[in-house]
Amino acid sequence: MRSRQDGTDDGARLGAAELGAPLGERATLVQFSSAFCQPCRATRRILAEVSRMVDGVAHVEIDAEVRLDLVRGLGVVRTPTVLVLDAGGRVVRRAAGRPRKADVIAALGAAI
């Protein structure tokens, strides 16, 4: 996924309790959004489409304004921010800004 803030989070892990939703069997796409964020809407569509295309991948959207604990703990500085988690909830990729579908699929390769 292309962005100005791209990389991994050293050992950061998220589980169903933190996300408020179950992890995907193979990977999870976590999207931090805010209410008036136009790119967040497009990102939601892209991630939902990818999660339907790839078996075992879940998409979880988190309202950044409501979950300031996660935002601060993970260093999220803008929306949308997307984290790619492996099956165990470890953050393997991270990007800020609207992703391209091809980039999301490629990033899943690091998780699956």
N, C-alpha and C. Protein backbone atom coordinates (compact mmCIF):
# COMPACT_ATOMS: atom_id res chain seq x y z
N MET A 1 0.85 -1.17 0.00
CA MET A 1 0.00 0.00 0.00
C MET A 1 0.90 1.23 0.00
N ARG A 2 0.61 2.15 -0.85
CA ARG A 2 1.42 3.36 -0.95
C ARG A 2 0.88 4.41 0.01
N SER A 3 1.79 5.13 0.63
CA SER A 3 1.40 6.26 1.48
C SER A 3 2.64 6.95 1.98
N ARG A 4 2.45 8.02 2.69
CA ARG A 4 3.58 8.71 3.31
C ARG A 4 4.00 8.01 4.59
N GLN A 5 3.10 7.29 5.21
CA GLN A 5 3.39 6.60 6.46
C GLN A 5 3.19 5.12 6.18
N ASP A 6 4.26 4.44 5.79
CA ASP A 6 4.13 3.05 5.39
C ASP A 6 5.16 2.24 6.12
N GLY A 7 4.80 1.05 6.50
CA GLY A 7 5.75 0.19 7.18
C GLY A 7 5.06 -0.77 8.11
N THR A 8 5.79 -1.20 9.11
CA THR A 8 5.24 -2.14 10.08
C THR A 8 5.29 -1.53 11.45
N ASP A 9 4.61 -2.13 12.38
CA ASP A 9 4.63 -1.72 13.78
C ASP A 9 5.32 -2.83 14.54
N ASP A 10 6.50 -2.56 15.07
CA ASP A 10 7.33 -3.57 15.70
C ASP A 10 6.57 -4.37 16.76
N GLY A 11 6.08 -5.53 16.37
CA GLY A 11 5.46 -6.45 17.30
C GLY A 11 4.08 -6.08 17.78
N ALA A 12 3.49 -4.99 17.29
CA ALA A 12 2.15 -4.61 17.72
C ALA A 12 1.16 -5.71 17.36
N ARG A 13 0.30 -6.04 18.31
CA ARG A 13 -0.74 -7.05 18.09
C ARG A 13 -2.08 -6.50 18.53
N LEU A 14 -3.11 -6.86 17.78
CA LEU A 14 -4.47 -6.49 18.12
C LEU A 14 -5.32 -7.76 18.10
N GLY A 15 -6.23 -7.85 19.04
CA GLY A 15 -7.14 -9.00 19.09
C GLY A 15 -8.57 -8.54 18.97
N ALA A 16 -9.47 -9.51 19.04
CA ALA A 16 -10.89 -9.22 18.92
C ALA A 16 -11.36 -8.24 19.99
N ALA A 17 -10.79 -8.33 21.19
CA ALA A 17 -11.20 -7.43 22.27
C ALA A 17 -10.88 -5.98 21.92
N GLU A 18 -9.71 -5.71 21.38
CA GLU A 18 -9.33 -4.35 21.01
C GLU A 18 -10.13 -3.85 19.80
N LEU A 19 -10.37 -4.75 18.85
CA LEU A 19 -11.04 -4.37 17.61
C LEU A 19 -12.56 -4.30 17.74
N GLY A 20 -13.11 -5.03 18.69
CA GLY A 20 -14.56 -5.09 18.81
C GLY A 20 -15.18 -5.98 17.75
N ALA A 21 -14.37 -6.82 17.13
CA ALA A 21 -14.82 -7.74 16.08
C ALA A 21 -13.80 -8.87 15.98
N PRO A 22 -14.24 -10.02 15.49
CA PRO A 22 -13.29 -11.13 15.36
C PRO A 22 -12.24 -10.89 14.27
N LEU A 23 -11.07 -11.47 14.46
CA LEU A 23 -10.02 -11.44 13.44
C LEU A 23 -10.42 -12.36 12.29
N GLY A 24 -9.93 -12.07 11.10
CA GLY A 24 -10.13 -12.96 9.97
C GLY A 24 -9.30 -14.22 10.15
N GLU A 25 -9.71 -15.31 9.55
CA GLU A 25 -8.97 -16.57 9.65
C GLU A 25 -7.55 -16.45 9.13
N ARG A 26 -7.36 -15.69 8.07
CA ARG A 26 -6.04 -15.55 7.44
C ARG A 26 -5.43 -14.17 7.63
N ALA A 27 -6.26 -13.13 7.64
CA ALA A 27 -5.77 -11.75 7.79
C ALA A 27 -6.93 -10.83 8.11
N THR A 28 -6.60 -9.65 8.61
CA THR A 28 -7.61 -8.65 8.93
C THR A 28 -7.14 -7.29 8.44
N LEU A 29 -8.04 -6.58 7.76
CA LEU A 29 -7.79 -5.22 7.31
C LEU A 29 -8.49 -4.29 8.29
N VAL A 30 -7.71 -3.51 9.04
CA VAL A 30 -8.26 -2.61 10.04
C VAL A 30 -8.17 -1.19 9.50
N GLN A 31 -9.31 -0.52 9.45
CA GLN A 31 -9.38 0.83 8.91
C GLN A 31 -9.77 1.81 10.01
N PHE A 32 -8.94 2.82 10.25
CA PHE A 32 -9.28 3.90 11.15
C PHE A 32 -9.86 5.02 10.31
N SER A 33 -11.10 5.44 10.67
CA SER A 33 -11.82 6.44 9.89
C SER A 33 -12.34 7.54 10.81
N SER A 34 -12.77 8.63 10.21
CA SER A 34 -13.46 9.68 10.94
C SER A 34 -14.70 10.09 10.13
N ALA A 35 -15.64 10.70 10.81
CA ALA A 35 -16.97 10.95 10.24
C ALA A 35 -16.95 11.77 8.95
N PHE A 36 -16.13 12.80 8.86
CA PHE A 36 -16.19 13.70 7.71
C PHE A 36 -15.05 13.47 6.72
N CYS A 37 -14.47 12.31 6.77
CA CYS A 37 -13.31 11.98 5.93
C CYS A 37 -13.80 11.39 4.61
N GLN A 38 -13.68 12.15 3.53
CA GLN A 38 -14.10 11.67 2.22
C GLN A 38 -13.28 10.46 1.74
N PRO A 39 -11.94 10.47 1.87
CA PRO A 39 -11.17 9.29 1.44
C PRO A 39 -11.51 8.03 2.25
N CYS A 40 -12.06 8.22 3.46
CA CYS A 40 -12.44 7.05 4.28
C CYS A 40 -13.56 6.26 3.62
N ARG A 41 -14.47 6.95 2.97
CA ARG A 41 -15.59 6.26 2.30
C ARG A 41 -15.08 5.39 1.16
N ALA A 42 -14.18 5.94 0.35
CA ALA A 42 -13.61 5.17 -0.75
C ALA A 42 -12.78 4.01 -0.22
N THR A 43 -12.04 4.25 0.85
CA THR A 43 -11.23 3.18 1.46
C THR A 43 -12.13 2.07 1.97
N ARG A 44 -13.24 2.41 2.58
CA ARG A 44 -14.21 1.42 3.08
C ARG A 44 -14.67 0.51 1.93
N ARG A 45 -14.99 1.11 0.80
CA ARG A 45 -15.46 0.31 -0.35
C ARG A 45 -14.35 -0.61 -0.84
N ILE A 46 -13.14 -0.09 -0.96
CA ILE A 46 -12.01 -0.89 -1.46
C ILE A 46 -11.73 -2.06 -0.53
N LEU A 47 -11.63 -1.80 0.77
CA LEU A 47 -11.31 -2.87 1.72
C LEU A 47 -12.43 -3.91 1.82
N ALA A 48 -13.68 -3.45 1.75
CA ALA A 48 -14.80 -4.39 1.78
C ALA A 48 -14.77 -5.29 0.55
N GLU A 49 -14.45 -4.72 -0.59
CA GLU A 49 -14.38 -5.50 -1.82
C GLU A 49 -13.25 -6.54 -1.74
N VAL A 50 -12.09 -6.13 -1.27
CA VAL A 50 -10.96 -7.06 -1.14
C VAL A 50 -11.29 -8.16 -0.14
N SER A 51 -11.92 -7.82 0.96
CA SER A 51 -12.24 -8.85 1.96
C SER A 51 -13.26 -9.86 1.43
N ARG A 52 -14.12 -9.42 0.51
CA ARG A 52 -15.06 -10.37 -0.12
C ARG A 52 -14.35 -11.25 -1.15
N MET A 53 -13.31 -10.71 -1.79
CA MET A 53 -12.59 -11.44 -2.84
C MET A 53 -11.64 -12.50 -2.28
N VAL A 54 -11.05 -12.23 -1.13
CA VAL A 54 -10.00 -13.10 -0.58
C VAL A 54 -10.56 -13.86 0.62
N ASP A 55 -10.64 -15.18 0.50
CA ASP A 55 -11.17 -16.00 1.58
C ASP A 55 -10.35 -15.83 2.86
N GLY A 56 -11.08 -15.75 3.99
CA GLY A 56 -10.42 -15.68 5.29
C GLY A 56 -9.92 -14.31 5.68
N VAL A 57 -10.28 -13.28 4.91
CA VAL A 57 -9.86 -11.91 5.23
C VAL A 57 -11.07 -11.12 5.73
N ALA A 58 -10.91 -10.49 6.89
CA ALA A 58 -11.97 -9.66 7.48
C ALA A 58 -11.61 -8.19 7.33
N HIS A 59 -12.64 -7.35 7.28
CA HIS A 59 -12.45 -5.90 7.26
C HIS A 59 -13.14 -5.34 8.50
N VAL A 60 -12.39 -4.59 9.29
CA VAL A 60 -12.92 -3.96 10.50
C VAL A 60 -12.66 -2.47 10.41
N GLU A 61 -13.74 -1.69 10.52
CA GLU A 61 -13.60 -0.23 10.51
C GLU A 61 -13.76 0.30 11.92
N ILE A 62 -12.85 1.18 12.32
CA ILE A 62 -12.85 1.74 13.67
C ILE A 62 -12.97 3.26 13.56
N ASP A 63 -13.91 3.82 14.32
CA ASP A 63 -14.08 5.27 14.38
C ASP A 63 -12.95 5.83 15.25
N ALA A 64 -12.05 6.57 14.62
CA ALA A 64 -10.87 7.08 15.33
C ALA A 64 -11.24 8.01 16.48
N GLU A 65 -12.32 8.74 16.34
CA GLU A 65 -12.73 9.67 17.38
C GLU A 65 -13.25 8.95 18.62
N VAL A 66 -13.82 7.79 18.43
CA VAL A 66 -14.36 7.00 19.54
C VAL A 66 -13.28 6.18 20.22
N ARG A 67 -12.30 5.72 19.44
CA ARG A 67 -11.25 4.83 19.97
C ARG A 67 -9.90 5.53 20.07
N LEU A 68 -9.88 6.64 20.77
CA LEU A 68 -8.64 7.41 20.93
C LEU A 68 -7.55 6.60 21.61
N ASP A 69 -7.93 5.62 22.44
CA ASP A 69 -6.93 4.77 23.08
C ASP A 69 -6.11 4.02 22.04
N LEU A 70 -6.79 3.42 21.05
CA LEU A 70 -6.08 2.71 19.98
C LEU A 70 -5.32 3.67 19.09
N VAL A 71 -5.93 4.79 18.75
CA VAL A 71 -5.30 5.78 17.88
C VAL A 71 -3.97 6.22 18.49
N ARG A 72 -3.99 6.56 19.75
CA ARG A 72 -2.76 7.01 20.42
C ARG A 72 -1.76 5.88 20.58
N GLY A 73 -2.25 4.72 20.99
CA GLY A 73 -1.37 3.58 21.20
C GLY A 73 -0.66 3.11 19.94
N LEU A 74 -1.33 3.25 18.80
CA LEU A 74 -0.76 2.81 17.53
C LEU A 74 -0.14 3.95 16.73
N GLY A 75 -0.22 5.16 17.24
CA GLY A 75 0.38 6.29 16.54
C GLY A 75 -0.33 6.67 15.25
N VAL A 76 -1.64 6.50 15.20
CA VAL A 76 -2.41 6.89 14.02
C VAL A 76 -2.51 8.41 14.02
N VAL A 77 -2.05 9.04 12.94
CA VAL A 77 -2.04 10.50 12.88
C VAL A 77 -3.00 11.09 11.86
N ARG A 78 -3.57 10.26 10.99
CA ARG A 78 -4.54 10.75 10.02
C ARG A 78 -5.48 9.63 9.62
N THR A 79 -6.60 10.02 9.04
CA THR A 79 -7.55 9.03 8.53
C THR A 79 -7.69 9.26 7.03
N PRO A 80 -7.87 8.16 6.28
CA PRO A 80 -7.86 6.79 6.77
C PRO A 80 -6.43 6.28 6.99
N THR A 81 -6.31 5.45 8.00
CA THR A 81 -5.09 4.66 8.20
C THR A 81 -5.53 3.21 8.17
N VAL A 82 -4.81 2.39 7.43
CA VAL A 82 -5.13 0.97 7.29
C VAL A 82 -3.98 0.14 7.86
N LEU A 83 -4.34 -0.82 8.71
CA LEU A 83 -3.38 -1.79 9.22
C LEU A 83 -3.73 -3.14 8.64
N VAL A 84 -2.73 -3.89 8.23
CA VAL A 84 -2.93 -5.26 7.78
C VAL A 84 -2.39 -6.16 8.88
N LEU A 85 -3.28 -7.00 9.42
CA LEU A 85 -2.92 -7.92 10.49
C LEU A 85 -2.83 -9.33 9.95
N ASP A 86 -1.89 -10.12 10.47
CA ASP A 86 -1.86 -11.54 10.11
C ASP A 86 -2.91 -12.28 10.94
N ALA A 87 -2.97 -13.59 10.80
CA ALA A 87 -4.00 -14.39 11.48
C ALA A 87 -3.91 -14.27 13.00
N GLY A 88 -2.72 -14.00 13.53
CA GLY A 88 -2.53 -13.85 14.97
C GLY A 88 -2.73 -12.44 15.48
N GLY A 89 -3.08 -11.50 14.60
CA GLY A 89 -3.32 -10.13 15.00
C GLY A 89 -2.10 -9.23 14.99
N ARG A 90 -0.97 -9.74 14.49
CA ARG A 90 0.25 -8.93 14.42
C ARG A 90 0.17 -7.97 13.23
N VAL A 91 0.52 -6.71 13.46
CA VAL A 91 0.51 -5.71 12.39
C VAL A 91 1.71 -5.97 11.48
N VAL A 92 1.41 -6.29 10.21
CA VAL A 92 2.49 -6.56 9.25
C VAL A 92 2.66 -5.46 8.21
N ARG A 93 1.65 -4.63 8.01
CA ARG A 93 1.73 -3.49 7.11
C ARG A 93 0.83 -2.39 7.64
N ARG A 94 1.18 -1.16 7.27
CA ARG A 94 0.40 0.00 7.70
C ARG A 94 0.54 1.07 6.63
N ALA A 95 -0.55 1.78 6.37
CA ALA A 95 -0.51 2.87 5.39
C ALA A 95 -1.57 3.90 5.74
N ALA A 96 -1.27 5.15 5.44
CA ALA A 96 -2.23 6.23 5.64
C ALA A 96 -2.60 6.78 4.27
N GLY A 97 -3.86 7.17 4.14
CA GLY A 97 -4.36 7.67 2.86
C GLY A 97 -5.16 6.61 2.14
N ARG A 98 -5.80 7.03 1.08
CA ARG A 98 -6.65 6.11 0.30
C ARG A 98 -5.78 5.13 -0.48
N PRO A 99 -5.96 3.84 -0.23
CA PRO A 99 -5.14 2.84 -0.93
C PRO A 99 -5.73 2.46 -2.29
N ARG A 100 -4.90 1.91 -3.14
CA ARG A 100 -5.40 1.30 -4.39
C ARG A 100 -5.67 -0.17 -4.09
N LYS A 101 -6.66 -0.72 -4.76
CA LYS A 101 -7.04 -2.12 -4.53
C LYS A 101 -5.85 -3.05 -4.75
N ALA A 102 -5.09 -2.84 -5.81
CA ALA A 102 -3.94 -3.69 -6.10
C ALA A 102 -2.91 -3.64 -4.98
N ASP A 103 -2.73 -2.47 -4.37
CA ASP A 103 -1.78 -2.33 -3.27
C ASP A 103 -2.25 -3.08 -2.02
N VAL A 104 -3.56 -3.05 -1.77
CA VAL A 104 -4.11 -3.78 -0.62
C VAL A 104 -3.90 -5.28 -0.82
N ILE A 105 -4.19 -5.76 -2.01
CA ILE A 105 -4.00 -7.20 -2.30
C ILE A 105 -2.53 -7.58 -2.14
N ALA A 106 -1.63 -6.75 -2.62
CA ALA A 106 -0.20 -7.02 -2.48
C ALA A 106 0.21 -7.01 -1.01
N ALA A 107 -0.31 -6.08 -0.23
CA ALA A 107 0.02 -6.00 1.20
C ALA A 107 -0.47 -7.23 1.96
N LEU A 108 -1.58 -7.80 1.50
CA LEU A 108 -2.09 -9.02 2.14
C LEU A 108 -1.08 -10.17 2.01
N GLY A 109 -0.27 -10.13 0.98
CA GLY A 109 0.76 -11.16 0.79
C GLY A 109 1.70 -11.27 1.97
N ALA A 110 1.92 -10.17 2.68
CA ALA A 110 2.80 -10.19 3.86
C ALA A 110 2.12 -10.84 5.05
N ALA A 111 0.78 -10.90 5.02
CA ALA A 111 0.03 -11.44 6.16
C ALA A 111 -0.38 -12.89 5.96
N ILE A 112 -0.57 -13.28 4.72
CA ILE A 112 -1.13 -14.62 4.45
C ILE A 112 -0.02 -15.62 4.19
